[in-house]
Amino acid sequence: MNLFILVVMFMLFSGVLFYIFNFNHLLMMLLGLEYLLLILSLLFLMNLMMFIKQYILLLVFFIFCISESVLGLTILILMVRMYGNDYMKSLMVLQC
């Protein structure tokens, strides 16, 4: 069990590093967020299985994850249609 928690924490740390260092493209940022949500849902499921035994909270968490994904894809599609690419630097207003 301790090895599993260690592996999940390593996955969480690597997901945070992936999100921090890939901030040029919006699609890569959305993929990093989805990876972090997957790991958080795994941790959430483990805690619910061990302690609380109420799975309705997991369902609510998945609903919020899905709505976040839909909003992110909508922003990505609108950005590609308006600017022609998904670079985060094209959103900068103060860029000369």
PDB file of N, CA and C in Angstrom:
ATOM      1  N   MET A   1       0.822  -1.194   0.000  1.00  0.00           N
ATOM      2  CA  MET A   1       0.000   0.000   0.000  1.00  0.00           C
ATOM      3  C   MET A   1       0.865   1.256   0.000  1.00  0.00           C
ATOM      4  N   ASN A   2       1.964   1.229   0.743  1.00  0.00           N
ATOM      5  CA  ASN A   2       2.836   2.394   0.766  1.00  0.00           C
ATOM      6  C   ASN A   2       3.509   2.622  -0.579  1.00  0.00           C
ATOM      7  N   LEU A   3       3.827   1.554  -1.292  1.00  0.00           N
ATOM      8  CA  LEU A   3       4.412   1.686  -2.623  1.00  0.00           C
ATOM      9  C   LEU A   3       3.415   2.319  -3.586  1.00  0.00           C
ATOM     10  N   PHE A   4       2.149   1.940  -3.469  1.00  0.00           N
ATOM     11  CA  PHE A   4       1.111   2.515  -4.327  1.00  0.00           C
ATOM     12  C   PHE A   4       0.972   4.008  -4.071  1.00  0.00           C
ATOM     13  N   ILE A   5       0.978   4.413  -2.826  1.00  0.00           N
ATOM     14  CA  ILE A   5       0.860   5.836  -2.492  1.00  0.00           C
ATOM     15  C   ILE A   5       2.094   6.592  -2.979  1.00  0.00           C
ATOM     16  N   LEU A   6       3.252   5.977  -2.885  1.00  0.00           N
ATOM     17  CA  LEU A   6       4.479   6.598  -3.375  1.00  0.00           C
ATOM     18  C   LEU A   6       4.436   6.787  -4.886  1.00  0.00           C
ATOM     19  N   VAL A   7       3.936   5.799  -5.604  1.00  0.00           N
ATOM     20  CA  VAL A   7       3.816   5.893  -7.057  1.00  0.00           C
ATOM     21  C   VAL A   7       2.811   6.972  -7.448  1.00  0.00           C
ATOM     22  N   VAL A   8       1.697   7.048  -6.739  1.00  0.00           N
ATOM     23  CA  VAL A   8       0.692   8.065  -7.042  1.00  0.00           C
ATOM     24  C   VAL A   8       1.233   9.466  -6.749  1.00  0.00           C
ATOM     25  N   MET A   9       1.978   9.618  -5.677  1.00  0.00           N
ATOM     26  CA  MET A   9       2.571  10.922  -5.381  1.00  0.00           C
ATOM     27  C   MET A   9       3.612  11.315  -6.423  1.00  0.00           C
ATOM     28  N   PHE A  10       4.380  10.333  -6.918  1.00  0.00           N
ATOM     29  CA  PHE A  10       5.320  10.614  -8.000  1.00  0.00           C
ATOM     30  C   PHE A  10       4.581  11.034  -9.263  1.00  0.00           C
ATOM     31  N   MET A  11       3.464  10.374  -9.562  1.00  0.00           N
ATOM     32  CA  MET A  11       2.657  10.752 -10.717  1.00  0.00           C
ATOM     33  C   MET A  11       2.099  12.158 -10.559  1.00  0.00           C
ATOM     34  N   LEU A  12       1.673  12.502  -9.351  1.00  0.00           N
ATOM     35  CA  LEU A  12       1.149  13.837  -9.090  1.00  0.00           C
ATOM     36  C   LEU A  12       2.239  14.889  -9.255  1.00  0.00           C
ATOM     37  N   PHE A  13       3.421  14.615  -8.729  1.00  0.00           N
ATOM     38  CA  PHE A  13       4.541  15.542  -8.866  1.00  0.00           C
ATOM     39  C   PHE A  13       4.956  15.717 -10.320  1.00  0.00           C
ATOM     40  N   SER A  14       5.002  14.616 -11.072  1.00  0.00           N
ATOM     41  CA  SER A  14       5.367  14.718 -12.487  1.00  0.00           C
ATOM     42  C   SER A  14       4.284  15.445 -13.279  1.00  0.00           C
ATOM     43  N   GLY A  15       3.025  15.289 -12.896  1.00  0.00           N
ATOM     44  CA  GLY A  15       1.953  16.028 -13.559  1.00  0.00           C
ATOM     45  C   GLY A  15       2.037  17.515 -13.300  1.00  0.00           C
ATOM     46  N   VAL A  16       2.389  17.899 -12.085  1.00  0.00           N
ATOM     47  CA  VAL A  16       2.557  19.317 -11.773  1.00  0.00           C
ATOM     48  C   VAL A  16       3.738  19.898 -12.548  1.00  0.00           C
ATOM     49  N   LEU A  17       4.836  19.153 -12.629  1.00  0.00           N
ATOM     50  CA  LEU A  17       5.980  19.620 -13.416  1.00  0.00           C
ATOM     51  C   LEU A  17       5.642  19.735 -14.897  1.00  0.00           C
ATOM     52  N   PHE A  18       4.878  18.781 -15.420  1.00  0.00           N
ATOM     53  CA  PHE A  18       4.442  18.836 -16.818  1.00  0.00           C
ATOM     54  C   PHE A  18       3.593  20.071 -17.056  1.00  0.00           C
ATOM     55  N   TYR A  19       2.714  20.392 -16.116  1.00  0.00           N
ATOM     56  CA  TYR A  19       1.847  21.555 -16.264  1.00  0.00           C
ATOM     57  C   TYR A  19       2.642  22.855 -16.169  1.00  0.00           C
ATOM     58  N   ILE A  20       3.649  22.883 -15.310  1.00  0.00           N
ATOM     59  CA  ILE A  20       4.433  24.110 -15.140  1.00  0.00           C
ATOM     60  C   ILE A  20       5.293  24.396 -16.368  1.00  0.00           C
ATOM     61  N   PHE A  21       5.927  23.379 -16.933  1.00  0.00           N
ATOM     62  CA  PHE A  21       6.893  23.609 -18.002  1.00  0.00           C
ATOM     63  C   PHE A  21       6.297  23.586 -19.398  1.00  0.00           C
ATOM     64  N   ASN A  22       5.041  23.239 -19.578  1.00  0.00           N
ATOM     65  CA  ASN A  22       4.409  23.256 -20.902  1.00  0.00           C
ATOM     66  C   ASN A  22       3.299  24.296 -20.926  1.00  0.00           C
ATOM     67  N   PHE A  23       3.700  25.556 -20.872  1.00  0.00           N
ATOM     68  CA  PHE A  23       2.705  26.613 -20.845  1.00  0.00           C
ATOM     69  C   PHE A  23       2.638  27.388 -22.158  1.00  0.00           C
ATOM     70  N   ASN A  24       3.243  26.894 -23.219  1.00  0.00           N
ATOM     71  CA  ASN A  24       3.209  27.596 -24.500  1.00  0.00           C
ATOM     72  C   ASN A  24       1.913  27.327 -25.256  1.00  0.00           C
ATOM     73  N   HIS A  25       1.450  26.095 -25.238  1.00  0.00           N
ATOM     74  CA  HIS A  25       0.254  25.714 -25.983  1.00  0.00           C
ATOM     75  C   HIS A  25      -0.895  25.464 -25.010  1.00  0.00           C
ATOM     76  N   LEU A  26      -2.070  25.918 -25.403  1.00  0.00           N
ATOM     77  CA  LEU A  26      -3.252  25.708 -24.571  1.00  0.00           C
ATOM     78  C   LEU A  26      -3.635  24.234 -24.526  1.00  0.00           C
ATOM     79  N   LEU A  27      -3.451  23.512 -25.612  1.00  0.00           N
ATOM     80  CA  LEU A  27      -3.794  22.093 -25.638  1.00  0.00           C
ATOM     81  C   LEU A  27      -2.934  21.292 -24.669  1.00  0.00           C
ATOM     82  N   MET A  28      -1.655  21.622 -24.590  1.00  0.00           N
ATOM     83  CA  MET A  28      -0.773  20.926 -23.640  1.00  0.00           C
ATOM     84  C   MET A  28      -1.151  21.249 -22.199  1.00  0.00           C
ATOM     85  N   MET A  29      -1.578  22.471 -21.951  1.00  0.00           N
ATOM     86  CA  MET A  29      -2.016  22.834 -20.605  1.00  0.00           C
ATOM     87  C   MET A  29      -3.294  22.080 -20.230  1.00  0.00           C
ATOM     88  N   LEU A  30      -4.199  21.938 -21.190  1.00  0.00           N
ATOM     89  CA  LEU A  30      -5.432  21.190 -20.919  1.00  0.00           C
ATOM     90  C   LEU A  30      -5.144  19.709 -20.682  1.00  0.00           C
ATOM     91  N   LEU A  31      -4.205  19.143 -21.424  1.00  0.00           N
ATOM     92  CA  LEU A  31      -3.829  17.747 -21.194  1.00  0.00           C
ATOM     93  C   LEU A  31      -3.197  17.558 -19.822  1.00  0.00           C
ATOM     94  N   GLY A  32      -2.375  18.516 -19.410  1.00  0.00           N
ATOM     95  CA  GLY A  32      -1.793  18.459 -18.069  1.00  0.00           C
ATOM     96  C   GLY A  32      -2.848  18.542 -16.978  1.00  0.00           C
ATOM     97  N   LEU A  33      -3.843  19.394 -17.177  1.00  0.00           N
ATOM     98  CA  LEU A  33      -4.929  19.486 -16.206  1.00  0.00           C
ATOM     99  C   LEU A  33      -5.743  18.206 -16.141  1.00  0.00           C
ATOM    100  N   GLU A  34      -5.988  17.591 -17.280  1.00  0.00           N
ATOM    101  CA  GLU A  34      -6.733  16.340 -17.283  1.00  0.00           C
ATOM    102  C   GLU A  34      -5.950  15.225 -16.593  1.00  0.00           C
ATOM    103  N   TYR A  35      -4.643  15.214 -16.772  1.00  0.00           N
ATOM    104  CA  TYR A  35      -3.804  14.230 -16.095  1.00  0.00           C
ATOM    105  C   TYR A  35      -3.857  14.433 -14.583  1.00  0.00           C
ATOM    106  N   LEU A  36      -3.785  15.687 -14.149  1.00  0.00           N
ATOM    107  CA  LEU A  36      -3.877  15.976 -12.716  1.00  0.00           C
ATOM    108  C   LEU A  36      -5.253  15.602 -12.155  1.00  0.00           C
ATOM    109  N   LEU A  37      -6.302  15.843 -12.920  1.00  0.00           N
ATOM    110  CA  LEU A  37      -7.636  15.453 -12.463  1.00  0.00           C
ATOM    111  C   LEU A  37      -7.786  13.939 -12.383  1.00  0.00           C
ATOM    112  N   LEU A  38      -7.152  13.219 -13.279  1.00  0.00           N
ATOM    113  CA  LEU A  38      -7.181  11.762 -13.226  1.00  0.00           C
ATOM    114  C   LEU A  38      -6.493  11.246 -11.966  1.00  0.00           C
ATOM    115  N   ILE A  39      -5.355  11.820 -11.631  1.00  0.00           N
ATOM    116  CA  ILE A  39      -4.646  11.399 -10.425  1.00  0.00           C
ATOM    117  C   ILE A  39      -5.425  11.783  -9.176  1.00  0.00           C
ATOM    118  N   LEU A  40      -6.002  12.991  -9.182  1.00  0.00           N
ATOM    119  CA  LEU A  40      -6.803  13.405  -8.026  1.00  0.00           C
ATOM    120  C   LEU A  40      -8.041  12.537  -7.850  1.00  0.00           C
ATOM    121  N   SER A  41      -8.642  12.120  -8.957  1.00  0.00           N
ATOM    122  CA  SER A  41      -9.801  11.232  -8.831  1.00  0.00           C
ATOM    123  C   SER A  41      -9.385   9.864  -8.291  1.00  0.00           C
ATOM    124  N   LEU A  42      -8.190   9.402  -8.654  1.00  0.00           N
ATOM    125  CA  LEU A  42      -7.678   8.146  -8.102  1.00  0.00           C
ATOM    126  C   LEU A  42      -7.449   8.258  -6.593  1.00  0.00           C
ATOM    127  N   LEU A  43      -6.846   9.362  -6.165  1.00  0.00           N
ATOM    128  CA  LEU A  43      -6.656   9.592  -4.728  1.00  0.00           C
ATOM    129  C   LEU A  43      -7.985   9.737  -4.006  1.00  0.00           C
ATOM    130  N   PHE A  44      -8.916  10.426  -4.639  1.00  0.00           N
ATOM    131  CA  PHE A  44     -10.240  10.620  -4.056  1.00  0.00           C
ATOM    132  C   PHE A  44     -10.969   9.289  -3.915  1.00  0.00           C
ATOM    133  N   LEU A  45     -10.849   8.434  -4.927  1.00  0.00           N
ATOM    134  CA  LEU A  45     -11.469   7.118  -4.871  1.00  0.00           C
ATOM    135  C   LEU A  45     -10.860   6.261  -3.774  1.00  0.00           C
ATOM    136  N   MET A  46      -9.548   6.326  -3.637  1.00  0.00           N
ATOM    137  CA  MET A  46      -8.886   5.562  -2.568  1.00  0.00           C
ATOM    138  C   MET A  46      -9.361   6.005  -1.189  1.00  0.00           C
ATOM    139  N   ASN A  47      -9.460   7.318  -0.989  1.00  0.00           N
ATOM    140  CA  ASN A  47      -9.930   7.815   0.302  1.00  0.00           C
ATOM    141  C   ASN A  47     -11.381   7.446   0.560  1.00  0.00           C
ATOM    142  N   LEU A  48     -12.205   7.492  -0.472  1.00  0.00           N
ATOM    143  CA  LEU A  48     -13.609   7.127  -0.288  1.00  0.00           C
ATOM    144  C   LEU A  48     -13.765   5.639  -0.002  1.00  0.00           C
ATOM    145  N   MET A  49     -12.938   4.805  -0.644  1.00  0.00           N
ATOM    146  CA  MET A  49     -13.041   3.371  -0.404  1.00  0.00           C
ATOM    147  C   MET A  49     -12.590   3.008   1.005  1.00  0.00           C
ATOM    148  N   MET A  50     -11.591   3.707   1.517  1.00  0.00           N
ATOM    149  CA  MET A  50     -11.059   3.358   2.834  1.00  0.00           C
ATOM    150  C   MET A  50     -11.865   3.934   3.993  1.00  0.00           C
ATOM    151  N   PHE A  51     -12.272   5.182   3.870  1.00  0.00           N
ATOM    152  CA  PHE A  51     -12.790   5.871   5.042  1.00  0.00           C
ATOM    153  C   PHE A  51     -14.287   6.147   5.009  1.00  0.00           C
ATOM    154  N   ILE A  52     -14.785   6.748   3.956  1.00  0.00           N
ATOM    155  CA  ILE A  52     -16.136   7.302   4.003  1.00  0.00           C
ATOM    156  C   ILE A  52     -17.183   6.337   3.458  1.00  0.00           C
ATOM    157  N   LYS A  53     -16.895   5.666   2.382  1.00  0.00           N
ATOM    158  CA  LYS A  53     -17.798   4.736   1.699  1.00  0.00           C
ATOM    159  C   LYS A  53     -19.050   5.423   1.149  1.00  0.00           C
ATOM    160  N   GLN A  54     -18.903   6.668   0.713  1.00  0.00           N
ATOM    161  CA  GLN A  54     -19.977   7.371   0.027  1.00  0.00           C
ATOM    162  C   GLN A  54     -19.475   7.735  -1.366  1.00  0.00           C
ATOM    163  N   TYR A  55     -20.010   7.069  -2.351  1.00  0.00           N
ATOM    164  CA  TYR A  55     -19.508   7.260  -3.707  1.00  0.00           C
ATOM    165  C   TYR A  55     -20.234   8.370  -4.449  1.00  0.00           C
ATOM    166  N   ILE A  56     -21.230   8.981  -3.852  1.00  0.00           N
ATOM    167  CA  ILE A  56     -21.921  10.093  -4.505  1.00  0.00           C
ATOM    168  C   ILE A  56     -21.003  11.300  -4.625  1.00  0.00           C
ATOM    169  N   LEU A  57     -20.057  11.454  -3.689  1.00  0.00           N
ATOM    170  CA  LEU A  57     -19.088  12.542  -3.780  1.00  0.00           C
ATOM    171  C   LEU A  57     -18.166  12.364  -4.979  1.00  0.00           C
ATOM    172  N   LEU A  58     -17.827  11.126  -5.278  1.00  0.00           N
ATOM    173  CA  LEU A  58     -17.007  10.844  -6.457  1.00  0.00           C
ATOM    174  C   LEU A  58     -17.769  11.188  -7.735  1.00  0.00           C
ATOM    175  N   LEU A  59     -19.053  10.920  -7.761  1.00  0.00           N
ATOM    176  CA  LEU A  59     -19.880  11.261  -8.913  1.00  0.00           C
ATOM    177  C   LEU A  59     -19.933  12.774  -9.110  1.00  0.00           C
ATOM    178  N   VAL A  60     -20.086  13.517  -8.041  1.00  0.00           N
ATOM    179  CA  VAL A  60     -20.095  14.978  -8.130  1.00  0.00           C
ATOM    180  C   VAL A  60     -18.741  15.488  -8.620  1.00  0.00           C
ATOM    181  N   PHE A  61     -17.645  14.888  -8.128  1.00  0.00           N
ATOM    182  CA  PHE A  61     -16.310  15.270  -8.573  1.00  0.00           C
ATOM    183  C   PHE A  61     -16.142  15.003 -10.070  1.00  0.00           C
ATOM    184  N   PHE A  62     -16.621  13.864 -10.557  1.00  0.00           N
ATOM    185  CA  PHE A  62     -16.522  13.564 -11.987  1.00  0.00           C
ATOM    186  C   PHE A  62     -17.362  14.522 -12.822  1.00  0.00           C
ATOM    187  N   ILE A  63     -18.499  14.953 -12.302  1.00  0.00           N
ATOM    188  CA  ILE A  63     -19.325  15.924 -13.024  1.00  0.00           C
ATOM    189  C   ILE A  63     -18.578  17.238 -13.174  1.00  0.00           C
ATOM    190  N   PHE A  64     -17.919  17.690 -12.115  1.00  0.00           N
ATOM    191  CA  PHE A  64     -17.135  18.914 -12.207  1.00  0.00           C
ATOM    192  C   PHE A  64     -15.940  18.746 -13.145  1.00  0.00           C
ATOM    193  N   CYS A  65     -15.324  17.583 -13.143  1.00  0.00           N
ATOM    194  CA  CYS A  65     -14.198  17.331 -14.055  1.00  0.00           C
ATOM    195  C   CYS A  65     -14.646  17.375 -15.508  1.00  0.00           C
ATOM    196  N   ILE A  66     -15.788  16.800 -15.799  1.00  0.00           N
ATOM    197  CA  ILE A  66     -16.297  16.788 -17.168  1.00  0.00           C
ATOM    198  C   ILE A  66     -16.674  18.184 -17.614  1.00  0.00           C
ATOM    199  N   SER A  67     -17.305  18.958 -16.733  1.00  0.00           N
ATOM    200  CA  SER A  67     -17.663  20.326 -17.114  1.00  0.00           C
ATOM    201  C   SER A  67     -16.424  21.195 -17.325  1.00  0.00           C
ATOM    202  N   GLU A  68     -15.376  20.968 -16.541  1.00  0.00           N
ATOM    203  CA  GLU A  68     -14.117  21.692 -16.739  1.00  0.00           C
ATOM    204  C   GLU A  68     -13.494  21.323 -18.076  1.00  0.00           C
ATOM    205  N   SER A  69     -13.576  20.061 -18.450  1.00  0.00           N
ATOM    206  CA  SER A  69     -13.022  19.617 -19.729  1.00  0.00           C
ATOM    207  C   SER A  69     -13.773  20.236 -20.900  1.00  0.00           C
ATOM    208  N   VAL A  70     -15.073  20.291 -20.797  1.00  0.00           N
ATOM    209  CA  VAL A  70     -15.887  20.867 -21.874  1.00  0.00           C
ATOM    210  C   VAL A  70     -15.600  22.355 -22.019  1.00  0.00           C
ATOM    211  N   LEU A  71     -15.480  23.061 -20.911  1.00  0.00           N
ATOM    212  CA  LEU A  71     -15.160  24.486 -20.989  1.00  0.00           C
ATOM    213  C   LEU A  71     -13.768  24.721 -21.571  1.00  0.00           C
ATOM    214  N   GLY A  72     -12.805  23.893 -21.204  1.00  0.00           N
ATOM    215  CA  GLY A  72     -11.463  24.027 -21.754  1.00  0.00           C
ATOM    216  C   GLY A  72     -11.425  23.781 -23.251  1.00  0.00           C
ATOM    217  N   LEU A  73     -12.128  22.760 -23.718  1.00  0.00           N
ATOM    218  CA  LEU A  73     -12.168  22.492 -25.160  1.00  0.00           C
ATOM    219  C   LEU A  73     -12.898  23.591 -25.916  1.00  0.00           C
ATOM    220  N   THR A  74     -13.922  24.165 -25.301  1.00  0.00           N
ATOM    221  CA  THR A  74     -14.636  25.277 -25.931  1.00  0.00           C
ATOM    222  C   THR A  74     -13.720  26.482 -26.081  1.00  0.00           C
ATOM    223  N   ILE A  75     -12.961  26.789 -25.045  1.00  0.00           N
ATOM    224  CA  ILE A  75     -12.010  27.901 -25.125  1.00  0.00           C
ATOM    225  C   ILE A  75     -10.946  27.616 -26.179  1.00  0.00           C
ATOM    226  N   LEU A  76     -10.486  26.368 -26.260  1.00  0.00           N
ATOM    227  CA  LEU A  76      -9.486  26.003 -27.269  1.00  0.00           C
ATOM    228  C   LEU A  76     -10.033  26.187 -28.675  1.00  0.00           C
ATOM    229  N   ILE A  77     -11.248  25.753 -28.923  1.00  0.00           N
ATOM    230  CA  ILE A  77     -11.844  25.872 -30.256  1.00  0.00           C
ATOM    231  C   ILE A  77     -12.051  27.336 -30.621  1.00  0.00           C
ATOM    232  N   LEU A  78     -12.544  28.135 -29.673  1.00  0.00           N
ATOM    233  CA  LEU A  78     -12.736  29.558 -29.952  1.00  0.00           C
ATOM    234  C   LEU A  78     -11.412  30.267 -30.194  1.00  0.00           C
ATOM    235  N   MET A  79     -10.398  29.881 -29.470  1.00  0.00           N
ATOM    236  CA  MET A  79      -9.085  30.508 -29.644  1.00  0.00           C
ATOM    237  C   MET A  79      -8.485  30.161 -30.999  1.00  0.00           C
ATOM    238  N   VAL A  80      -8.613  28.917 -31.426  1.00  0.00           N
ATOM    239  CA  VAL A  80      -8.079  28.520 -32.731  1.00  0.00           C
ATOM    240  C   VAL A  80      -8.850  29.206 -33.846  1.00  0.00           C
ATOM    241  N   ARG A  81     -10.152  29.366 -33.681  1.00  0.00           N
ATOM    242  CA  ARG A  81     -10.936  30.044 -34.714  1.00  0.00           C
ATOM    243  C   ARG A  81     -10.607  31.535 -34.796  1.00  0.00           C
ATOM    244  N   MET A  82     -10.354  32.163 -33.652  1.00  0.00           N
ATOM    245  CA  MET A  82     -10.100  33.608 -33.662  1.00  0.00           C
ATOM    246  C   MET A  82      -8.663  33.951 -34.012  1.00  0.00           C
ATOM    247  N   TYR A  83      -7.698  33.220 -33.457  1.00  0.00           N
ATOM    248  CA  TYR A  83      -6.290  33.562 -33.635  1.00  0.00           C
ATOM    249  C   TYR A  83      -5.561  32.666 -34.626  1.00  0.00           C
ATOM    250  N   GLY A  84      -6.083  31.493 -34.917  1.00  0.00           N
ATOM    251  CA  GLY A  84      -5.442  30.606 -35.868  1.00  0.00           C
ATOM    252  C   GLY A  84      -4.445  29.642 -35.262  1.00  0.00           C
ATOM    253  N   ASN A  85      -4.154  29.763 -33.961  1.00  0.00           N
ATOM    254  CA  ASN A  85      -3.236  28.849 -33.287  1.00  0.00           C
ATOM    255  C   ASN A  85      -3.641  28.770 -31.817  1.00  0.00           C
ATOM    256  N   ASP A  86      -2.904  27.939 -31.082  1.00  0.00           N
ATOM    257  CA  ASP A  86      -3.230  27.798 -29.659  1.00  0.00           C
ATOM    258  C   ASP A  86      -2.074  28.238 -28.770  1.00  0.00           C
ATOM    259  N   TYR A  87      -1.268  29.169 -29.278  1.00  0.00           N
ATOM    260  CA  TYR A  87      -0.178  29.697 -28.463  1.00  0.00           C
ATOM    261  C   TYR A  87      -0.731  30.614 -27.380  1.00  0.00           C
ATOM    262  N   MET A  88      -0.203  30.462 -26.178  1.00  0.00           N
ATOM    263  CA  MET A  88      -0.640  31.323 -25.086  1.00  0.00           C
ATOM    264  C   MET A  88      -0.106  32.745 -25.248  1.00  0.00           C
ATOM    265  N   LYS A  89       0.988  32.900 -25.991  1.00  0.00           N
ATOM    266  CA  LYS A  89       1.553  34.233 -26.189  1.00  0.00           C
ATOM    267  C   LYS A  89       0.678  35.098 -27.083  1.00  0.00           C
ATOM    268  N   SER A  90      -0.184  34.489 -27.877  1.00  0.00           N
ATOM    269  CA  SER A  90      -1.068  35.291 -28.716  1.00  0.00           C
ATOM    270  C   SER A  90      -2.203  35.924 -27.921  1.00  0.00           C
ATOM    271  N   LEU A  91      -2.375  35.516 -26.681  1.00  0.00           N
ATOM    272  CA  LEU A  91      -3.387  36.140 -25.819  1.00  0.00           C
ATOM    273  C   LEU A  91      -2.848  37.341 -25.058  1.00  0.00           C
ATOM    274  N   MET A  92      -1.542  37.561 -25.088  1.00  0.00           N
ATOM    275  CA  MET A  92      -0.950  38.659 -24.348  1.00  0.00           C
ATOM    276  C   MET A  92      -1.349  39.998 -24.969  1.00  0.00           C
ATOM    277  N   VAL A  93      -1.909  40.875 -24.162  1.00  0.00           N
ATOM    278  CA  VAL A  93      -2.359  42.173 -24.639  1.00  0.00           C
ATOM    279  C   VAL A  93      -1.192  43.153 -24.687  1.00  0.00           C
ATOM    280  N   LEU A  94      -0.250  43.031 -23.773  1.00  0.00           N
ATOM    281  CA  LEU A  94       0.842  43.982 -23.671  1.00  0.00           C
ATOM    282  C   LEU A  94       2.038  43.627 -24.534  1.00  0.00           C
ATOM    283  N   GLN A  95       1.896  42.643 -25.398  1.00  0.00           N
ATOM    284  CA  GLN A  95       3.004  42.217 -26.246  1.00  0.00           C
ATOM    285  C   GLN A  95       3.246  43.241 -27.344  1.00  0.00           C
ATOM    286  N   CYS A  96       4.498  43.629 -27.575  1.00  0.00           N
ATOM    287  CA  CYS A  96       4.820  44.638 -28.604  1.00  0.00           C
ATOM    288  C   CYS A  96       5.195  43.968 -29.909  1.00  0.00           C
TER     289      CYS A  96
END
